[in-house]
Each structure stands twice: as structure tokens, then as C-alpha cells.
Amino acid sequence: MMTQYKDEVELQKKILAAEEFANDIKGMQVHRISSMWYDNRPQDTEKHSVTDIEYMSGKIERTLHDGTKVVLVEAETGEKLVDKIETQLTDRGETL
């Protein structure tokens, strides 16, 4: 392998490893709060509860009372995904 590409190859390995964790659930909340830091849809909680699921990728998906799903925060990709996943794994004593 050419040494000039070593860093790029290592980054790609980390990205592929991070993608394995991306859809793991980090947290879930069932609530009627309209003041969540990521909430750009306060109308969703006016009359009903919602379920917000945060994934390790940073994606936050909301399920409305009628089953409709809305993405409130998009998932990170590339190096940002690696950084996000590595931080979470480190917090629980694991490595990528």
C-alpha cells in the first residue's frame, strides 16, 4: 500500500466502522414538551404526545400520534459521524 494514502484509508475504515453504530438508539422520549433544543415543530405537541428517538449518528426522528415520522435533525456523515460515534463509545468505555 502506498503510504501517501494511509491516512485516507484509515479514515475510510473508521467511517465504515462508525456507520455500523449510526442507527443504534442513543435515547428515546415520549413527551408533550414544545421547547426541546431541536424542536422546530411545536405544533406537534399542542394536543398530543410525540415519541422522539435520537440515534448515535445524531439523527432525531419524531413519531406523531398518527404514526407519521418526521426527521428533526439529520444524521452526521463522514468525519463528523466518526467524531460523534467515537465520543459516545468513549463515554461508555468502548472504542471504535
Protein backbone atom coordinates (compact mmCIF):
# COMPACT_ATOMS: atom_id res chain seq x y z
CA MET A 1 0.00 0.00 0.00
CA MET A 2 1.28 3.45 -0.82
CA THR A 3 2.00 5.41 2.34
CA GLN A 4 0.59 8.61 0.84
CA TYR A 5 -2.91 7.13 1.11
CA LYS A 6 -2.54 5.61 4.57
CA ASP A 7 -4.48 8.41 6.36
CA GLU A 8 -7.31 8.29 3.82
CA VAL A 9 -7.56 4.50 4.14
CA GLU A 10 -7.61 4.71 7.95
CA LEU A 11 -10.33 7.38 7.84
CA GLN A 12 -12.44 5.26 5.50
CA LYS A 13 -12.08 2.27 7.86
CA LYS A 14 -13.28 4.44 10.74
CA ILE A 15 -16.20 5.76 8.70
CA LEU A 16 -17.30 2.22 7.85
CA ALA A 17 -16.97 1.18 11.50
CA ALA A 18 -18.93 4.26 12.67
CA GLU A 19 -21.71 3.51 10.16
CA GLU A 20 -22.23 0.19 11.96
CA PHE A 21 -23.30 2.16 15.08
CA ALA A 22 -25.11 5.03 13.33
CA ASN A 23 -28.63 3.59 13.64
CA ASP A 24 -28.25 2.41 17.24
CA ILE A 25 -30.65 4.23 19.54
CA LYS A 26 -29.00 6.67 21.93
CA GLY A 27 -32.19 7.79 23.64
CA MET A 28 -35.97 7.92 23.39
CA GLN A 29 -38.51 10.32 24.87
CA VAL A 30 -42.28 10.32 24.87
CA HIS A 31 -43.46 13.83 25.71
CA ARG A 32 -45.65 16.88 25.06
CA ILE A 33 -42.88 19.46 25.50
CA SER A 34 -42.54 22.08 22.76
CA SER A 35 -39.25 23.53 23.98
CA MET A 36 -36.75 20.78 23.17
CA TRP A 37 -33.48 22.25 21.82
CA TYR A 38 -34.03 20.59 18.45
CA ASP A 39 -37.78 21.16 18.19
CA ASN A 40 -38.76 23.18 15.15
CA ARG A 41 -42.31 21.77 15.15
CA PRO A 42 -44.03 22.94 18.36
CA GLN A 43 -47.43 22.30 16.75
CA ASP A 44 -46.79 18.55 17.07
CA THR A 45 -47.18 18.65 20.86
CA GLU A 46 -50.11 21.06 21.17
CA LYS A 47 -52.73 18.31 21.55
CA HIS A 48 -50.84 15.02 21.54
CA SER A 49 -47.71 13.33 22.83
CA VAL A 50 -44.88 12.51 20.45
CA THR A 51 -42.03 10.00 20.52
CA ASP A 52 -38.57 11.38 19.73
CA ILE A 53 -35.77 8.91 19.05
CA GLU A 54 -32.15 10.06 18.97
CA TYR A 55 -29.72 7.81 17.14
CA MET A 56 -25.96 7.59 17.69
CA SER A 57 -25.50 9.35 14.34
CA GLY A 58 -27.15 12.44 15.77
CA LYS A 59 -30.34 11.91 13.80
CA ILE A 60 -33.51 12.72 15.71
CA GLU A 61 -36.73 11.23 14.40
CA ARG A 62 -40.17 12.11 15.74
CA THR A 63 -43.19 9.83 15.54
CA LEU A 64 -46.50 11.66 15.76
CA HIS A 65 -49.66 10.29 17.40
CA ASP A 66 -50.93 9.11 13.99
CA GLY A 67 -47.72 7.20 13.19
CA THR A 68 -46.25 9.83 10.85
CA LYS A 69 -42.45 10.06 11.12
CA VAL A 70 -40.56 13.33 10.80
CA VAL A 71 -36.78 13.83 10.85
CA LEU A 72 -35.98 16.81 13.07
CA VAL A 73 -32.17 16.56 12.92
CA GLU A 74 -30.26 14.91 10.10
CA ALA A 75 -27.56 12.31 10.78
CA GLU A 76 -23.90 13.25 10.67
CA THR A 77 -21.75 11.71 7.93
CA GLY A 78 -18.07 11.22 7.20
CA GLU A 79 -15.55 12.56 9.72
CA LYS A 80 -18.27 14.23 11.79
CA LEU A 81 -20.00 10.86 12.17
CA VAL A 82 -16.72 9.27 13.28
CA ASP A 83 -16.19 12.02 15.88
CA LYS A 84 -19.75 11.71 17.21
CA ILE A 85 -19.63 7.90 17.46
CA GLU A 86 -16.13 7.85 18.99
CA THR A 87 -17.22 10.32 21.68
CA GLN A 88 -20.24 8.23 22.62
CA LEU A 89 -18.28 4.99 22.68
CA THR A 90 -15.56 6.58 24.79
CA ASP A 91 -18.21 7.77 27.24
CA ARG A 92 -19.23 4.15 27.78
CA GLY A 93 -15.69 2.78 27.86
CA GLU A 94 -15.58 1.37 24.33
CA THR A 95 -13.62 2.17 21.19
CA LEU A 96 -14.45 2.27 17.51
